[in-house]
Amino acid sequence: MKLVIAITQDEDTANLVSNLTEEGFRVTKLASTGGFLKSGNTTLLIGVDDDKIEELVKVIEKVCKPREITTAVSPMPLVEEAYMPYPYNIKVGGATVFILDVDRYERI
């Protein structure tokens, strides 16, 4: 048995959870916040049998596609108290997936 921790963008979460439950996976959803953009993320906890890992990863890959967004970044101030933000393209989306071995699992 494995514990999969998948960190996804909030906008992908509803579709991902729907797809996972349709495929028979049980999902626990936790709200989280990303450190770089300080934007909303969702952390999913999924217990899965070893033989279903590849199927689970394929569902995540299908739903959580990387995309590029433009955001304003404020560099060091040019003049006291004045900042000149400039647009900056960054990649978001996709998912960060951790797959951990589970020594013991009980459903009570």
C-alpha atoms as a PDB file:
ATOM      1  CA  MET A   1       0.000   0.000   0.000  1.00  0.00           C
ATOM      2  CA  LYS A   2       1.117   3.556  -0.767  1.00  0.00           C
ATOM      3  CA  LEU A   3       0.181   7.007   0.460  1.00  0.00           C
ATOM      4  CA  VAL A   4       0.154   9.529  -2.363  1.00  0.00           C
ATOM      5  CA  ILE A   5       0.408  13.201  -1.484  1.00  0.00           C
ATOM      6  CA  ALA A   6      -0.497  15.333  -4.506  1.00  0.00           C
ATOM      7  CA  ILE A   7      -0.194  19.120  -4.366  1.00  0.00           C
ATOM      8  CA  THR A   8      -2.264  20.772  -7.095  1.00  0.00           C
ATOM      9  CA  GLN A   9      -3.446  24.224  -8.134  1.00  0.00           C
ATOM     10  CA  ASP A  10      -6.876  25.127  -6.762  1.00  0.00           C
ATOM     11  CA  GLU A  11      -8.333  25.503 -10.250  1.00  0.00           C
ATOM     12  CA  ASP A  12      -7.482  21.864 -11.095  1.00  0.00           C
ATOM     13  CA  THR A  13      -8.761  20.372  -7.857  1.00  0.00           C
ATOM     14  CA  ALA A  14     -12.492  19.945  -8.495  1.00  0.00           C
ATOM     15  CA  ASN A  15     -11.914  18.227 -11.830  1.00  0.00           C
ATOM     16  CA  LEU A  16      -9.137  16.048 -10.396  1.00  0.00           C
ATOM     17  CA  VAL A  17     -11.155  14.924  -7.366  1.00  0.00           C
ATOM     18  CA  SER A  18     -14.109  14.145  -9.643  1.00  0.00           C
ATOM     19  CA  ASN A  19     -11.927  12.076 -11.992  1.00  0.00           C
ATOM     20  CA  LEU A  20     -10.256  10.245  -9.113  1.00  0.00           C
ATOM     21  CA  THR A  21     -13.528   9.298  -7.426  1.00  0.00           C
ATOM     22  CA  GLU A  22     -14.971   8.140 -10.771  1.00  0.00           C
ATOM     23  CA  GLU A  23     -11.958   5.812 -11.067  1.00  0.00           C
ATOM     24  CA  GLY A  24     -12.612   4.437  -7.561  1.00  0.00           C
ATOM     25  CA  PHE A  25      -9.893   6.259  -5.612  1.00  0.00           C
ATOM     26  CA  ARG A  26     -10.637   7.659  -2.152  1.00  0.00           C
ATOM     27  CA  VAL A  27      -9.363  11.186  -1.681  1.00  0.00           C
ATOM     28  CA  THR A  28      -8.926  13.488   1.316  1.00  0.00           C
ATOM     29  CA  LYS A  29      -8.649  17.158   0.367  1.00  0.00           C
ATOM     30  CA  LEU A  30      -6.687  19.714   2.414  1.00  0.00           C
ATOM     31  CA  ALA A  31      -6.410  23.447   1.698  1.00  0.00           C
ATOM     32  CA  SER A  32      -2.821  24.676   1.473  1.00  0.00           C
ATOM     33  CA  THR A  33      -0.896  27.715   0.293  1.00  0.00           C
ATOM     34  CA  GLY A  34       2.094  27.780  -2.022  1.00  0.00           C
ATOM     35  CA  GLY A  35       5.236  29.488  -0.804  1.00  0.00           C
ATOM     36  CA  PHE A  36       6.435  31.122  -4.022  1.00  0.00           C
ATOM     37  CA  LEU A  37       3.259  32.799  -5.287  1.00  0.00           C
ATOM     38  CA  LYS A  38       1.426  32.544  -1.979  1.00  0.00           C
ATOM     39  CA  SER A  39      -1.562  31.331  -3.961  1.00  0.00           C
ATOM     40  CA  GLY A  40      -4.092  28.677  -3.074  1.00  0.00           C
ATOM     41  CA  ASN A  41      -3.130  25.073  -3.537  1.00  0.00           C
ATOM     42  CA  THR A  42      -4.842  21.883  -2.562  1.00  0.00           C
ATOM     43  CA  THR A  43      -3.075  18.932  -1.007  1.00  0.00           C
ATOM     44  CA  LEU A  44      -4.706  15.583  -1.696  1.00  0.00           C
ATOM     45  CA  LEU A  45      -4.051  12.483   0.402  1.00  0.00           C
ATOM     46  CA  ILE A  46      -4.773   9.244  -1.440  1.00  0.00           C
ATOM     47  CA  GLY A  47      -4.287   5.725  -0.108  1.00  0.00           C
ATOM     48  CA  VAL A  48      -3.769   3.279  -2.950  1.00  0.00           C
ATOM     49  CA  ASP A  49      -2.710  -0.320  -3.523  1.00  0.00           C
ATOM     50  CA  ASP A  50       0.694  -0.785  -5.136  1.00  0.00           C
ATOM     51  CA  ASP A  51      -0.775  -2.134  -8.374  1.00  0.00           C
ATOM     52  CA  LYS A  52      -2.946   0.996  -8.862  1.00  0.00           C
ATOM     53  CA  ILE A  53      -0.150   3.597  -8.611  1.00  0.00           C
ATOM     54  CA  GLU A  54       0.398   3.990 -12.360  1.00  0.00           C
ATOM     55  CA  GLU A  55      -3.343   4.344 -12.971  1.00  0.00           C
ATOM     56  CA  LEU A  56      -3.534   7.054 -10.298  1.00  0.00           C
ATOM     57  CA  VAL A  57      -0.549   8.972 -11.690  1.00  0.00           C
ATOM     58  CA  LYS A  58      -2.067   8.889 -15.198  1.00  0.00           C
ATOM     59  CA  VAL A  59      -5.286  10.478 -13.900  1.00  0.00           C
ATOM     60  CA  ILE A  60      -3.291  13.230 -12.189  1.00  0.00           C
ATOM     61  CA  GLU A  61      -1.217  13.856 -15.339  1.00  0.00           C
ATOM     62  CA  LYS A  62      -4.363  13.993 -17.484  1.00  0.00           C
ATOM     63  CA  VAL A  63      -6.047  16.659 -15.340  1.00  0.00           C
ATOM     64  CA  CYS A  64      -3.192  18.775 -13.939  1.00  0.00           C
ATOM     65  CA  LYS A  65      -1.577  20.409 -16.951  1.00  0.00           C
ATOM     66  CA  PRO A  66       1.169  23.027 -16.539  1.00  0.00           C
ATOM     67  CA  ARG A  67       0.371  26.485 -17.897  1.00  0.00           C
ATOM     68  CA  GLU A  68       2.020  29.890 -17.998  1.00  0.00           C
ATOM     69  CA  ILE A  69       0.687  32.956 -16.211  1.00  0.00           C
ATOM     70  CA  THR A  70       1.839  36.556 -16.111  1.00  0.00           C
ATOM     71  CA  THR A  71       2.264  38.168 -12.725  1.00  0.00           C
ATOM     72  CA  ALA A  72       3.747  41.447 -11.536  1.00  0.00           C
ATOM     73  CA  VAL A  73       6.988  41.244  -9.608  1.00  0.00           C
ATOM     74  CA  SER A  74       8.289  44.232  -7.642  1.00  0.00           C
ATOM     75  CA  PRO A  75      12.074  44.512  -7.717  1.00  0.00           C
ATOM     76  CA  MET A  76      14.144  46.675  -5.395  1.00  0.00           C
ATOM     77  CA  PRO A  77      12.781  50.227  -5.120  1.00  0.00           C
ATOM     78  CA  LEU A  78      14.164  52.701  -7.640  1.00  0.00           C
ATOM     79  CA  VAL A  79      13.432  55.651  -5.412  1.00  0.00           C
ATOM     80  CA  GLU A  80      12.541  55.712  -1.747  1.00  0.00           C
ATOM     81  CA  GLU A  81       9.087  54.121  -1.315  1.00  0.00           C
ATOM     82  CA  ALA A  82       8.599  53.690  -5.088  1.00  0.00           C
ATOM     83  CA  TYR A  83       8.425  50.285  -6.747  1.00  0.00           C
ATOM     84  CA  MET A  84       8.207  49.591 -10.460  1.00  0.00           C
ATOM     85  CA  PRO A  85       6.506  46.217 -10.890  1.00  0.00           C
ATOM     86  CA  TYR A  86       7.124  44.469 -14.180  1.00  0.00           C
ATOM     87  CA  PRO A  87       5.306  41.542 -15.784  1.00  0.00           C
ATOM     88  CA  TYR A  88       6.910  38.159 -15.347  1.00  0.00           C
ATOM     89  CA  ASN A  89       5.843  34.873 -16.961  1.00  0.00           C
ATOM     90  CA  ILE A  90       5.952  31.809 -14.733  1.00  0.00           C
ATOM     91  CA  LYS A  91       4.801  28.213 -15.095  1.00  0.00           C
ATOM     92  CA  VAL A  92       2.068  27.029 -12.742  1.00  0.00           C
ATOM     93  CA  GLY A  93      -0.190  24.025 -12.657  1.00  0.00           C
ATOM     94  CA  GLY A  94       0.796  20.458 -12.997  1.00  0.00           C
ATOM     95  CA  ALA A  95       1.146  18.641  -9.710  1.00  0.00           C
ATOM     96  CA  THR A  96       3.793  17.756  -7.206  1.00  0.00           C
ATOM     97  CA  VAL A  97       3.346  14.107  -6.249  1.00  0.00           C
ATOM     98  CA  PHE A  98       4.973  12.235  -3.368  1.00  0.00           C
ATOM     99  CA  ILE A  99       4.534   8.452  -3.163  1.00  0.00           C
ATOM    100  CA  LEU A 100       5.272   6.951   0.240  1.00  0.00           C
ATOM    101  CA  ASP A 101       5.286   3.369   1.479  1.00  0.00           C
ATOM    102  CA  VAL A 102       2.696   2.587   4.153  1.00  0.00           C
ATOM    103  CA  ASP A 103       3.776   0.128   6.826  1.00  0.00           C
ATOM    104  CA  ARG A 104       0.283  -0.342   8.226  1.00  0.00           C
ATOM    105  CA  TYR A 105      -3.207   0.640   7.153  1.00  0.00           C
ATOM    106  CA  GLU A 106      -6.447   0.155   9.055  1.00  0.00           C
ATOM    107  CA  ARG A 107      -9.901   1.373   8.173  1.00  0.00           C
ATOM    108  CA  ILE A 108     -11.900   1.638  11.370  1.00  0.00           C
END
